[in-house]
Amino acid sequence: MGTKDASELLPGTLDLLILKTLVAGRMHGYGIAQRLKDVSEDVLQVGESSLYPALQRLLLRGWVRAEWGASENNRRARYYTLTAAGRKQLAVERQEFDRLILAIHKVLNTA
């Protein structure tokens, strides 16, 4: 099975995946990308050119907040956390995504 770069995902899916990932707690960008890769068993590969614009979009919408801190190797890193508005948006996006997947499933399973 091949890998999927974030540019190949359905529009809006990366935002949904980032919001869901941040439910687990505070993470820096590399940690978010690594978690998506690990949980998807290496199917989802999110590069910096997709991840950081998405994080900036989420920051501007107030769905995540960012603060500087020290990473595991004592390097300066920007850590992201989910806001209350982000949790609400995650629920909305999850419902819409589930509806879309159900519709696609119906189309694929018709004769």
PDB file of N, CA and C in Angstrom:
ATOM      1  N   MET A   1       0.835  -1.167   0.000  1.00  0.00           N
ATOM      2  CA  MET A   1       0.000   0.000   0.000  1.00  0.00           C
ATOM      3  C   MET A   1       0.884   1.235   0.000  1.00  0.00           C
ATOM      4  N   GLY A   2       0.545   2.252  -0.808  1.00  0.00           N
ATOM      5  CA  GLY A   2       1.355   3.450  -0.907  1.00  0.00           C
ATOM      6  C   GLY A   2       1.109   4.429   0.214  1.00  0.00           C
ATOM      7  N   THR A   3       1.945   5.452   0.221  1.00  0.00           N
ATOM      8  CA  THR A   3       1.774   6.506   1.217  1.00  0.00           C
ATOM      9  C   THR A   3       1.014   7.659   0.587  1.00  0.00           C
ATOM     10  N   LYS A   4       0.416   8.483   1.420  1.00  0.00           N
ATOM     11  CA  LYS A   4      -0.309   9.660   0.952  1.00  0.00           C
ATOM     12  C   LYS A   4       0.324  10.901   1.551  1.00  0.00           C
ATOM     13  N   ASP A   5       0.732  11.811   0.699  1.00  0.00           N
ATOM     14  CA  ASP A   5       1.192  13.107   1.161  1.00  0.00           C
ATOM     15  C   ASP A   5      -0.052  13.941   1.462  1.00  0.00           C
ATOM     16  N   ALA A   6       0.085  14.907   2.316  1.00  0.00           N
ATOM     17  CA  ALA A   6      -1.052  15.744   2.700  1.00  0.00           C
ATOM     18  C   ALA A   6      -1.700  16.408   1.490  1.00  0.00           C
ATOM     19  N   SER A   7      -0.928  16.688   0.448  1.00  0.00           N
ATOM     20  CA  SER A   7      -1.491  17.330  -0.737  1.00  0.00           C
ATOM     21  C   SER A   7      -2.474  16.428  -1.471  1.00  0.00           C
ATOM     22  N   GLU A   8      -2.436  15.132  -1.188  1.00  0.00           N
ATOM     23  CA  GLU A   8      -3.335  14.185  -1.832  1.00  0.00           C
ATOM     24  C   GLU A   8      -4.608  13.925  -1.022  1.00  0.00           C
ATOM     25  N   LEU A   9      -4.714  14.495   0.161  1.00  0.00           N
ATOM     26  CA  LEU A   9      -5.886  14.294   1.001  1.00  0.00           C
ATOM     27  C   LEU A   9      -7.056  15.118   0.487  1.00  0.00           C
ATOM     28  N   LEU A  10      -8.265  14.716   0.863  1.00  0.00           N
ATOM     29  CA  LEU A  10      -9.435  15.516   0.541  1.00  0.00           C
ATOM     30  C   LEU A  10      -9.276  16.897   1.178  1.00  0.00           C
ATOM     31  N   PRO A  11      -9.750  17.953   0.515  1.00  0.00           N
ATOM     32  CA  PRO A  11      -9.635  19.291   1.095  1.00  0.00           C
ATOM     33  C   PRO A  11     -10.229  19.342   2.509  1.00  0.00           C
ATOM     34  N   GLY A  12      -9.516  19.972   3.413  1.00  0.00           N
ATOM     35  CA  GLY A  12      -9.979  20.088   4.792  1.00  0.00           C
ATOM     36  C   GLY A  12      -9.618  18.928   5.685  1.00  0.00           C
ATOM     37  N   THR A  13      -9.199  17.821   5.095  1.00  0.00           N
ATOM     38  CA  THR A  13      -8.900  16.630   5.889  1.00  0.00           C
ATOM     39  C   THR A  13      -7.686  16.837   6.788  1.00  0.00           C
ATOM     40  N   LEU A  14      -6.687  17.542   6.310  1.00  0.00           N
ATOM     41  CA  LEU A  14      -5.493  17.758   7.128  1.00  0.00           C
ATOM     42  C   LEU A  14      -5.846  18.535   8.394  1.00  0.00           C
ATOM     43  N   ASP A  15      -6.687  19.559   8.261  1.00  0.00           N
ATOM     44  CA  ASP A  15      -7.111  20.313   9.444  1.00  0.00           C
ATOM     45  C   ASP A  15      -7.790  19.385  10.446  1.00  0.00           C
ATOM     46  N   LEU A  16      -8.679  18.543   9.965  1.00  0.00           N
ATOM     47  CA  LEU A  16      -9.377  17.577  10.817  1.00  0.00           C
ATOM     48  C   LEU A  16      -8.383  16.655  11.517  1.00  0.00           C
ATOM     49  N   LEU A  17      -7.411  16.147  10.782  1.00  0.00           N
ATOM     50  CA  LEU A  17      -6.426  15.229  11.354  1.00  0.00           C
ATOM     51  C   LEU A  17      -5.546  15.915  12.400  1.00  0.00           C
ATOM     52  N   ILE A  18      -5.185  17.160  12.158  1.00  0.00           N
ATOM     53  CA  ILE A  18      -4.381  17.899  13.139  1.00  0.00           C
ATOM     54  C   ILE A  18      -5.193  18.138  14.407  1.00  0.00           C
ATOM     55  N   LEU A  19      -6.436  18.587  14.243  1.00  0.00           N
ATOM     56  CA  LEU A  19      -7.283  18.819  15.416  1.00  0.00           C
ATOM     57  C   LEU A  19      -7.439  17.540  16.226  1.00  0.00           C
ATOM     58  N   LYS A  20      -7.694  16.432  15.546  1.00  0.00           N
ATOM     59  CA  LYS A  20      -7.858  15.150  16.237  1.00  0.00           C
ATOM     60  C   LYS A  20      -6.567  14.749  16.949  1.00  0.00           C
ATOM     61  N   THR A  21      -5.447  14.952  16.313  1.00  0.00           N
ATOM     62  CA  THR A  21      -4.157  14.604  16.911  1.00  0.00           C
ATOM     63  C   THR A  21      -3.913  15.405  18.187  1.00  0.00           C
ATOM     64  N   LEU A  22      -4.300  16.658  18.182  1.00  0.00           N
ATOM     65  CA  LEU A  22      -4.062  17.514  19.344  1.00  0.00           C
ATOM     66  C   LEU A  22      -4.985  17.211  20.523  1.00  0.00           C
ATOM     67  N   VAL A  23      -5.993  16.374  20.317  1.00  0.00           N
ATOM     68  CA  VAL A  23      -6.816  15.920  21.441  1.00  0.00           C
ATOM     69  C   VAL A  23      -5.927  15.192  22.449  1.00  0.00           C
ATOM     70  N   ALA A  24      -4.879  14.543  21.953  1.00  0.00           N
ATOM     71  CA  ALA A  24      -3.952  13.793  22.812  1.00  0.00           C
ATOM     72  C   ALA A  24      -3.121  14.711  23.707  1.00  0.00           C
ATOM     73  N   GLY A  25      -3.073  16.000  23.381  1.00  0.00           N
ATOM     74  CA  GLY A  25      -2.309  16.936  24.198  1.00  0.00           C
ATOM     75  C   GLY A  25      -1.378  17.802  23.380  1.00  0.00           C
ATOM     76  N   ARG A  26      -0.606  18.592  24.068  1.00  0.00           N
ATOM     77  CA  ARG A  26       0.324  19.572  23.499  1.00  0.00           C
ATOM     78  C   ARG A  26       1.398  18.877  22.670  1.00  0.00           C
ATOM     79  N   MET A  27       1.612  19.376  21.447  1.00  0.00           N
ATOM     80  CA  MET A  27       2.631  18.791  20.564  1.00  0.00           C
ATOM     81  C   MET A  27       3.269  19.860  19.701  1.00  0.00           C
ATOM     82  N   HIS A  28       4.505  19.628  19.324  1.00  0.00           N
ATOM     83  CA  HIS A  28       5.152  20.496  18.336  1.00  0.00           C
ATOM     84  C   HIS A  28       4.869  19.929  16.949  1.00  0.00           C
ATOM     85  N   GLY A  29       5.183  20.710  15.930  1.00  0.00           N
ATOM     86  CA  GLY A  29       4.856  20.319  14.562  1.00  0.00           C
ATOM     87  C   GLY A  29       5.398  18.958  14.166  1.00  0.00           C
ATOM     88  N   TYR A  30       6.666  18.716  14.468  1.00  0.00           N
ATOM     89  CA  TYR A  30       7.257  17.423  14.116  1.00  0.00           C
ATOM     90  C   TYR A  30       6.516  16.293  14.824  1.00  0.00           C
ATOM     91  N   GLY A  31       6.131  16.510  16.074  1.00  0.00           N
ATOM     92  CA  GLY A  31       5.396  15.497  16.831  1.00  0.00           C
ATOM     93  C   GLY A  31       4.043  15.195  16.209  1.00  0.00           C
ATOM     94  N   ILE A  32       3.379  16.235  15.706  1.00  0.00           N
ATOM     95  CA  ILE A  32       2.086  16.043  15.041  1.00  0.00           C
ATOM     96  C   ILE A  32       2.275  15.187  13.795  1.00  0.00           C
ATOM     97  N   ALA A  33       3.249  15.557  12.969  1.00  0.00           N
ATOM     98  CA  ALA A  33       3.513  14.801  11.737  1.00  0.00           C
ATOM     99  C   ALA A  33       3.882  13.356  12.048  1.00  0.00           C
ATOM    100  N   GLN A  34       4.698  13.161  13.064  1.00  0.00           N
ATOM    101  CA  GLN A  34       5.132  11.813  13.433  1.00  0.00           C
ATOM    102  C   GLN A  34       3.962  10.979  13.940  1.00  0.00           C
ATOM    103  N   ARG A  35       3.099  11.593  14.743  1.00  0.00           N
ATOM    104  CA  ARG A  35       1.935  10.858  15.267  1.00  0.00           C
ATOM    105  C   ARG A  35       0.998  10.444  14.130  1.00  0.00           C
ATOM    106  N   LEU A  36       0.767  11.342  13.181  1.00  0.00           N
ATOM    107  CA  LEU A  36      -0.073  10.994  12.033  1.00  0.00           C
ATOM    108  C   LEU A  36       0.536   9.833  11.255  1.00  0.00           C
ATOM    109  N   LYS A  37       1.830   9.875  11.080  1.00  0.00           N
ATOM    110  CA  LYS A  37       2.532   8.798  10.376  1.00  0.00           C
ATOM    111  C   LYS A  37       2.419   7.489  11.150  1.00  0.00           C
ATOM    112  N   ASP A  38       2.661   7.544  12.453  1.00  0.00           N
ATOM    113  CA  ASP A  38       2.631   6.332  13.281  1.00  0.00           C
ATOM    114  C   ASP A  38       1.234   5.724  13.357  1.00  0.00           C
ATOM    115  N   VAL A  39       0.234   6.558  13.656  1.00  0.00           N
ATOM    116  CA  VAL A  39      -1.136   6.051  13.809  1.00  0.00           C
ATOM    117  C   VAL A  39      -1.661   5.486  12.491  1.00  0.00           C
ATOM    118  N   SER A  40      -1.274   6.103  11.372  1.00  0.00           N
ATOM    119  CA  SER A  40      -1.735   5.627  10.063  1.00  0.00           C
ATOM    120  C   SER A  40      -0.870   4.499   9.515  1.00  0.00           C
ATOM    121  N   GLU A  41       0.050   4.020  10.329  1.00  0.00           N
ATOM    122  CA  GLU A  41       0.973   2.953   9.920  1.00  0.00           C
ATOM    123  C   GLU A  41       1.724   3.329   8.646  1.00  0.00           C
ATOM    124  N   ASP A  42       2.283   4.523   8.648  1.00  0.00           N
ATOM    125  CA  ASP A  42       3.117   5.077   7.581  1.00  0.00           C
ATOM    126  C   ASP A  42       2.370   5.422   6.297  1.00  0.00           C
ATOM    127  N   VAL A  43       1.044   5.419   6.317  1.00  0.00           N
ATOM    128  CA  VAL A  43       0.290   5.771   5.113  1.00  0.00           C
ATOM    129  C   VAL A  43       0.257   7.283   4.919  1.00  0.00           C
ATOM    130  N   LEU A  44       0.066   8.029   5.994  1.00  0.00           N
ATOM    131  CA  LEU A  44      -0.010   9.488   5.900  1.00  0.00           C
ATOM    132  C   LEU A  44       1.337  10.116   6.228  1.00  0.00           C
ATOM    133  N   GLN A  45       1.920  10.761   5.243  1.00  0.00           N
ATOM    134  CA  GLN A  45       3.200  11.452   5.396  1.00  0.00           C
ATOM    135  C   GLN A  45       2.924  12.945   5.217  1.00  0.00           C
ATOM    136  N   VAL A  46       2.993  13.698   6.286  1.00  0.00           N
ATOM    137  CA  VAL A  46       2.695  15.128   6.213  1.00  0.00           C
ATOM    138  C   VAL A  46       3.998  15.907   6.268  1.00  0.00           C
ATOM    139  N   GLY A  47       4.308  16.565   5.172  1.00  0.00           N
ATOM    140  CA  GLY A  47       5.533  17.352   5.096  1.00  0.00           C
ATOM    141  C   GLY A  47       5.348  18.746   5.675  1.00  0.00           C
ATOM    142  N   GLU A  48       6.466  19.407   5.936  1.00  0.00           N
ATOM    143  CA  GLU A  48       6.445  20.759   6.499  1.00  0.00           C
ATOM    144  C   GLU A  48       5.673  21.732   5.621  1.00  0.00           C
ATOM    145  N   SER A  49       5.773  21.562   4.302  1.00  0.00           N
ATOM    146  CA  SER A  49       5.119  22.501   3.383  1.00  0.00           C
ATOM    147  C   SER A  49       3.600  22.415   3.439  1.00  0.00           C
ATOM    148  N   SER A  50       3.067  21.340   3.976  1.00  0.00           N
ATOM    149  CA  SER A  50       1.622  21.210   4.183  1.00  0.00           C
ATOM    150  C   SER A  50       1.251  21.464   5.639  1.00  0.00           C
ATOM    151  N   LEU A  51       2.063  20.954   6.552  1.00  0.00           N
ATOM    152  CA  LEU A  51       1.739  21.011   7.976  1.00  0.00           C
ATOM    153  C   LEU A  51       1.721  22.434   8.528  1.00  0.00           C
ATOM    154  N   TYR A  52       2.777  23.193   8.290  1.00  0.00           N
ATOM    155  CA  TYR A  52       2.872  24.508   8.927  1.00  0.00           C
ATOM    156  C   TYR A  52       1.865  25.527   8.389  1.00  0.00           C
ATOM    157  N   PRO A  53       1.545  25.540   7.096  1.00  0.00           N
ATOM    158  CA  PRO A  53       0.445  26.411   6.653  1.00  0.00           C
ATOM    159  C   PRO A  53      -0.899  26.005   7.283  1.00  0.00           C
ATOM    160  N   ALA A  54      -1.116  24.705   7.453  1.00  0.00           N
ATOM    161  CA  ALA A  54      -2.355  24.244   8.094  1.00  0.00           C
ATOM    162  C   ALA A  54      -2.394  24.689   9.552  1.00  0.00           C
ATOM    163  N   LEU A  55      -1.282  24.558  10.258  1.00  0.00           N
ATOM    164  CA  LEU A  55      -1.232  25.004  11.655  1.00  0.00           C
ATOM    165  C   LEU A  55      -1.463  26.512  11.751  1.00  0.00           C
ATOM    166  N   GLN A  56      -0.899  27.264  10.833  1.00  0.00           N
ATOM    167  CA  GLN A  56      -1.105  28.714  10.824  1.00  0.00           C
ATOM    168  C   GLN A  56      -2.581  29.039  10.593  1.00  0.00           C
ATOM    169  N   ARG A  57      -3.216  28.322   9.683  1.00  0.00           N
ATOM    170  CA  ARG A  57      -4.649  28.501   9.410  1.00  0.00           C
ATOM    171  C   ARG A  57      -5.470  28.227  10.674  1.00  0.00           C
ATOM    172  N   LEU A  58      -5.128  27.147  11.375  1.00  0.00           N
ATOM    173  CA  LEU A  58      -5.843  26.782  12.598  1.00  0.00           C
ATOM    174  C   LEU A  58      -5.616  27.822  13.699  1.00  0.00           C
ATOM    175  N   LEU A  59      -4.416  28.365  13.774  1.00  0.00           N
ATOM    176  CA  LEU A  59      -4.118  29.442  14.732  1.00  0.00           C
ATOM    177  C   LEU A  59      -4.974  30.678  14.446  1.00  0.00           C
ATOM    178  N   LEU A  60      -5.025  31.079  13.181  1.00  0.00           N
ATOM    179  CA  LEU A  60      -5.787  32.268  12.799  1.00  0.00           C
ATOM    180  C   LEU A  60      -7.273  32.107  13.074  1.00  0.00           C
ATOM    181  N   ARG A  61      -7.767  30.896  12.977  1.00  0.00           N
ATOM    182  CA  ARG A  61      -9.189  30.625  13.247  1.00  0.00           C
ATOM    183  C   ARG A  61      -9.477  30.451  14.734  1.00  0.00           C
ATOM    184  N   GLY A  62      -8.424  30.417  15.536  1.00  0.00           N
ATOM    185  CA  GLY A  62      -8.607  30.281  16.974  1.00  0.00           C
ATOM    186  C   GLY A  62      -8.870  28.857  17.432  1.00  0.00           C
ATOM    187  N   TRP A  63      -8.585  27.882  16.589  1.00  0.00           N
ATOM    188  CA  TRP A  63      -8.855  26.480  16.916  1.00  0.00           C
ATOM    189  C   TRP A  63      -7.687  25.823  17.632  1.00  0.00           C
ATOM    190  N   VAL A  64      -6.506  26.393  17.482  1.00  0.00           N
ATOM    191  CA  VAL A  64      -5.337  25.945  18.243  1.00  0.00           C
ATOM    192  C   VAL A  64      -4.639  27.182  18.798  1.00  0.00           C
ATOM    193  N   ARG A  65      -3.826  26.967  19.806  1.00  0.00           N
ATOM    194  CA  ARG A  65      -3.002  28.034  20.372  1.00  0.00           C
ATOM    195  C   ARG A  65      -1.569  27.519  20.342  1.00  0.00           C
ATOM    196  N   ALA A  66      -0.621  28.440  20.297  1.00  0.00           N
ATOM    197  CA  ALA A  66       0.790  28.048  20.219  1.00  0.00           C
ATOM    198  C   ALA A  66       1.600  28.783  21.273  1.00  0.00           C
ATOM    199  N   GLU A  67       2.619  28.100  21.763  1.00  0.00           N
ATOM    200  CA  GLU A  67       3.565  28.711  22.696  1.00  0.00           C
ATOM    201  C   GLU A  67       4.928  28.072  22.476  1.00  0.00           C
ATOM    202  N   TRP A  68       5.953  28.839  22.762  1.00  0.00           N
ATOM    203  CA  TRP A  68       7.310  28.339  22.604  1.00  0.00           C
ATOM    204  C   TRP A  68       7.725  27.560  23.841  1.00  0.00           C
ATOM    205  N   GLY A  69       8.492  26.511  23.617  1.00  0.00           N
ATOM    206  CA  GLY A  69       9.009  25.706  24.714  1.00  0.00           C
ATOM    207  C   GLY A  69      10.228  24.934  24.246  1.00  0.00           C
ATOM    208  N   ALA A  70      10.790  24.145  25.131  1.00  0.00           N
ATOM    209  CA  ALA A  70      11.955  23.320  24.799  1.00  0.00           C
ATOM    210  C   ALA A  70      11.484  21.933  24.390  1.00  0.00           C
ATOM    211  N   SER A  71      12.043  21.428  23.302  1.00  0.00           N
ATOM    212  CA  SER A  71      11.705  20.085  22.828  1.00  0.00           C
ATOM    213  C   SER A  71      12.453  19.036  23.647  1.00  0.00           C
ATOM    214  N   GLU A  72      12.235  17.788  23.308  1.00  0.00           N
ATOM    215  CA  GLU A  72      12.876  16.671  24.009  1.00  0.00           C
ATOM    216  C   GLU A  72      14.400  16.759  23.972  1.00  0.00           C
ATOM    217  N   ASN A  73      14.925  17.358  22.895  1.00  0.00           N
ATOM    218  CA  ASN A  73      16.384  17.492  22.776  1.00  0.00           C
ATOM    219  C   ASN A  73      16.857  18.913  23.109  1.00  0.00           C
ATOM    220  N   ASN A  74      16.065  19.606  23.923  1.00  0.00           N
ATOM    221  CA  ASN A  74      16.372  20.960  24.405  1.00  0.00           C
ATOM    222  C   ASN A  74      16.500  22.014  23.310  1.00  0.00           C
ATOM    223  N   ARG A  75      15.829  21.810  22.201  1.00  0.00           N
ATOM    224  CA  ARG A  75      15.780  22.821  21.156  1.00  0.00           C
ATOM    225  C   ARG A  75      14.489  23.610  21.316  1.00  0.00           C
ATOM    226  N   ARG A  76      14.518  24.821  20.890  1.00  0.00           N
ATOM    227  CA  ARG A  76      13.325  25.654  20.955  1.00  0.00           C
ATOM    228  C   ARG A  76      12.315  25.147  19.933  1.00  0.00           C
ATOM    229  N   ALA A  77      11.071  24.949  20.370  1.00  0.00           N
ATOM    230  CA  ALA A  77      10.026  24.442  19.480  1.00  0.00           C
ATOM    231  C   ALA A  77       8.710  25.140  19.804  1.00  0.00           C
ATOM    232  N   ARG A  78       7.877  25.259  18.815  1.00  0.00           N
ATOM    233  CA  ARG A  78       6.550  25.844  19.010  1.00  0.00           C
ATOM    234  C   ARG A  78       5.585  24.701  19.287  1.00  0.00           C
ATOM    235  N   TYR A  79       4.930  24.773  20.415  1.00  0.00           N
ATOM    236  CA  TYR A  79       3.984  23.734  20.823  1.00  0.00           C
ATOM    237  C   TYR A  79       2.557  24.210  20.591  1.00  0.00           C
ATOM    238  N   TYR A  80       1.737  23.300  20.089  1.00  0.00           N
ATOM    239  CA  TYR A  80       0.351  23.607  19.750  1.00  0.00           C
ATOM    240  C   TYR A  80      -0.587  22.851  20.679  1.00  0.00           C
ATOM    241  N   THR A  81      -1.665  23.524  21.081  1.00  0.00           N
ATOM    242  CA  THR A  81      -2.708  22.888  21.883  1.00  0.00           C
ATOM    243  C   THR A  81      -4.063  23.238  21.285  1.00  0.00           C
ATOM    244  N   LEU A  82      -4.999  22.362  21.496  1.00  0.00           N
ATOM    245  CA  LEU A  82      -6.362  22.534  21.016  1.00  0.00           C
ATOM    246  C   LEU A  82      -7.101  23.494  21.944  1.00  0.00           C
ATOM    247  N   THR A  83      -7.841  24.439  21.374  1.00  0.00           N
ATOM    248  CA  THR A  83      -8.657  25.351  22.177  1.00  0.00           C
ATOM    249  C   THR A  83     -10.067  24.778  22.297  1.00  0.00           C
ATOM    250  N   ALA A  84     -10.889  25.398  23.133  1.00  0.00           N
ATOM    251  CA  ALA A  84     -12.292  24.978  23.263  1.00  0.00           C
ATOM    252  C   ALA A  84     -13.002  25.118  21.916  1.00  0.00           C
ATOM    253  N   ALA A  85     -12.712  26.210  21.201  1.00  0.00           N
ATOM    254  CA  ALA A  85     -13.301  26.401  19.872  1.00  0.00           C
ATOM    255  C   ALA A  85     -12.821  25.314  18.914  1.00  0.00           C
ATOM    256  N   GLY A  86     -11.576  24.895  19.061  1.00  0.00           N
ATOM    257  CA  GLY A  86     -11.031  23.819  18.233  1.00  0.00           C
ATOM    258  C   GLY A  86     -11.720  22.494  18.501  1.00  0.00           C
ATOM    259  N   ARG A  87     -12.041  22.230  19.760  1.00  0.00           N
ATOM    260  CA  ARG A  87     -12.769  20.997  20.103  1.00  0.00           C
ATOM    261  C   ARG A  87     -14.153  20.995  19.462  1.00  0.00           C
ATOM    262  N   LYS A  88     -14.820  22.140  19.495  1.00  0.00           N
ATOM    263  CA  LYS A  88     -16.140  22.248  18.858  1.00  0.00           C
ATOM    264  C   LYS A  88     -16.021  22.049  17.353  1.00  0.00           C
ATOM    265  N   GLN A  89     -15.007  22.684  16.761  1.00  0.00           N
ATOM    266  CA  GLN A  89     -14.806  22.551  15.318  1.00  0.00           C
ATOM    267  C   GLN A  89     -14.468  21.118  14.940  1.00  0.00           C
ATOM    268  N   LEU A  90     -13.701  20.447  15.760  1.00  0.00           N
ATOM    269  CA  LEU A  90     -13.379  19.042  15.512  1.00  0.00           C
ATOM    270  C   LEU A  90     -14.656  18.217  15.440  1.00  0.00           C
ATOM    271  N   ALA A  91     -15.582  18.447  16.356  1.00  0.00           N
ATOM    272  CA  ALA A  91     -16.847  17.703  16.352  1.00  0.00           C
ATOM    273  C   ALA A  91     -17.629  17.972  15.069  1.00  0.00           C
ATOM    274  N   VAL A  92     -17.671  19.232  14.641  1.00  0.00           N
ATOM    275  CA  VAL A  92     -18.375  19.602  13.410  1.00  0.00           C
ATOM    276  C   VAL A  92     -17.716  18.945  12.202  1.00  0.00           C
ATOM    277  N   GLU A  93     -16.392  19.069  12.114  1.00  0.00           N
ATOM    278  CA  GLU A  93     -15.674  18.510  10.965  1.00  0.00           C
ATOM    279  C   GLU A  93     -15.735  16.992  10.945  1.00  0.00           C
ATOM    280  N   ARG A  94     -15.689  16.380  12.107  1.00  0.00           N
ATOM    281  CA  ARG A  94     -15.774  14.918  12.183  1.00  0.00           C
ATOM    282  C   ARG A  94     -17.125  14.436  11.671  1.00  0.00           C
ATOM    283  N   GLN A  95     -18.191  15.123  12.069  1.00  0.00           N
ATOM    284  CA  GLN A  95     -19.531  14.756  11.615  1.00  0.00           C
ATOM    285  C   GLN A  95     -19.646  14.911  10.096  1.00  0.00           C
ATOM    286  N   GLU A  96     -19.134  16.000   9.573  1.00  0.00           N
ATOM    287  CA  GLU A  96     -19.182  16.238   8.128  1.00  0.00           C
ATOM    288  C   GLU A  96     -18.327  15.210   7.380  1.00  0.00           C
ATOM    289  N   PHE A  97     -17.166  14.888   7.911  1.00  0.00           N
ATOM    290  CA  PHE A  97     -16.297  13.897   7.280  1.00  0.00           C
ATOM    291  C   PHE A  97     -16.964  12.521   7.272  1.00  0.00           C
ATOM    292  N   ASP A  98     -17.569  12.137   8.398  1.00  0.00           N
ATOM    293  CA  ASP A  98     -18.263  10.848   8.471  1.00  0.00           C
ATOM    294  C   ASP A  98     -19.401  10.779   7.455  1.00  0.00           C
ATOM    295  N   ARG A  99     -20.110  11.901   7.272  1.00  0.00           N
ATOM    296  CA  ARG A  99     -21.195  11.959   6.287  1.00  0.00           C
ATOM    297  C   ARG A  99     -20.642  11.781   4.874  1.00  0.00           C
ATOM    298  N   LEU A 100     -19.517  12.428   4.589  1.00  0.00           N
ATOM    299  CA  LEU A 100     -18.876  12.313   3.280  1.00  0.00           C
ATOM    300  C   LEU A 100     -18.406  10.885   3.021  1.00  0.00           C
ATOM    301  N   ILE A 101     -17.778  10.270   4.011  1.00  0.00           N
ATOM    302  CA  ILE A 101     -17.291   8.894   3.856  1.00  0.00           C
ATOM    303  C   ILE A 101     -18.452   7.936   3.615  1.00  0.00           C
ATOM    304  N   LEU A 102     -19.554   8.130   4.321  1.00  0.00           N
ATOM    305  CA  LEU A 102     -20.735   7.289   4.121  1.00  0.00           C
ATOM    306  C   LEU A 102     -21.259   7.435   2.695  1.00  0.00           C
ATOM    307  N   ALA A 103     -21.304   8.661   2.183  1.00  0.00           N
ATOM    308  CA  ALA A 103     -21.769   8.893   0.815  1.00  0.00           C
ATOM    309  C   ALA A 103     -20.840   8.227  -0.198  1.00  0.00           C
ATOM    310  N   ILE A 104     -19.537   8.345   0.007  1.00  0.00           N
ATOM    311  CA  ILE A 104     -18.568   7.698  -0.889  1.00  0.00           C
ATOM    312  C   ILE A 104     -18.729   6.186  -0.829  1.00  0.00           C
ATOM    313  N   HIS A 105     -18.895   5.661   0.361  1.00  0.00           N
ATOM    314  CA  HIS A 105     -19.088   4.220   0.550  1.00  0.00           C
ATOM    315  C   HIS A 105     -20.325   3.740  -0.216  1.00  0.00           C
ATOM    316  N   LYS A 106     -21.401   4.501  -0.156  1.00  0.00           N
ATOM    317  CA  LYS A 106     -22.630   4.128  -0.869  1.00  0.00           C
ATOM    318  C   LYS A 106     -22.390   4.088  -2.374  1.00  0.00           C
ATOM    319  N   VAL A 107     -21.690   5.089  -2.890  1.00  0.00           N
ATOM    320  CA  VAL A 107     -21.415   5.131  -4.326  1.00  0.00           C
ATOM    321  C   VAL A 107     -20.542   3.952  -4.735  1.00  0.00           C
ATOM    322  N   LEU A 108     -19.515   3.655  -3.960  1.00  0.00           N
ATOM    323  CA  LEU A 108     -18.602   2.566  -4.303  1.00  0.00           C
ATOM    324  C   LEU A 108     -19.255   1.192  -4.207  1.00  0.00           C
ATOM    325  N   ASN A 109     -20.302   1.069  -3.435  1.00  0.00           N
ATOM    326  CA  ASN A 109     -20.949  -0.225  -3.245  1.00  0.00           C
ATOM    327  C   ASN A 109     -22.238  -0.395  -4.030  1.00  0.00           C
ATOM    328  N   THR A 110     -22.476   0.456  -5.028  1.00  0.00           N
ATOM    329  CA  THR A 110     -23.629   0.273  -5.896  1.00  0.00           C
ATOM    330  C   THR A 110     -23.181  -0.455  -7.151  1.00  0.00           C
ATOM    331  N   ALA A 111     -24.127  -1.130  -7.746  1.00  0.00           N
ATOM    332  CA  ALA A 111     -23.813  -1.909  -8.954  1.00  0.00           C
ATOM    333  C   ALA A 111     -23.640  -1.026 -10.157  1.00  0.00           C
TER     334      ALA A 111
END
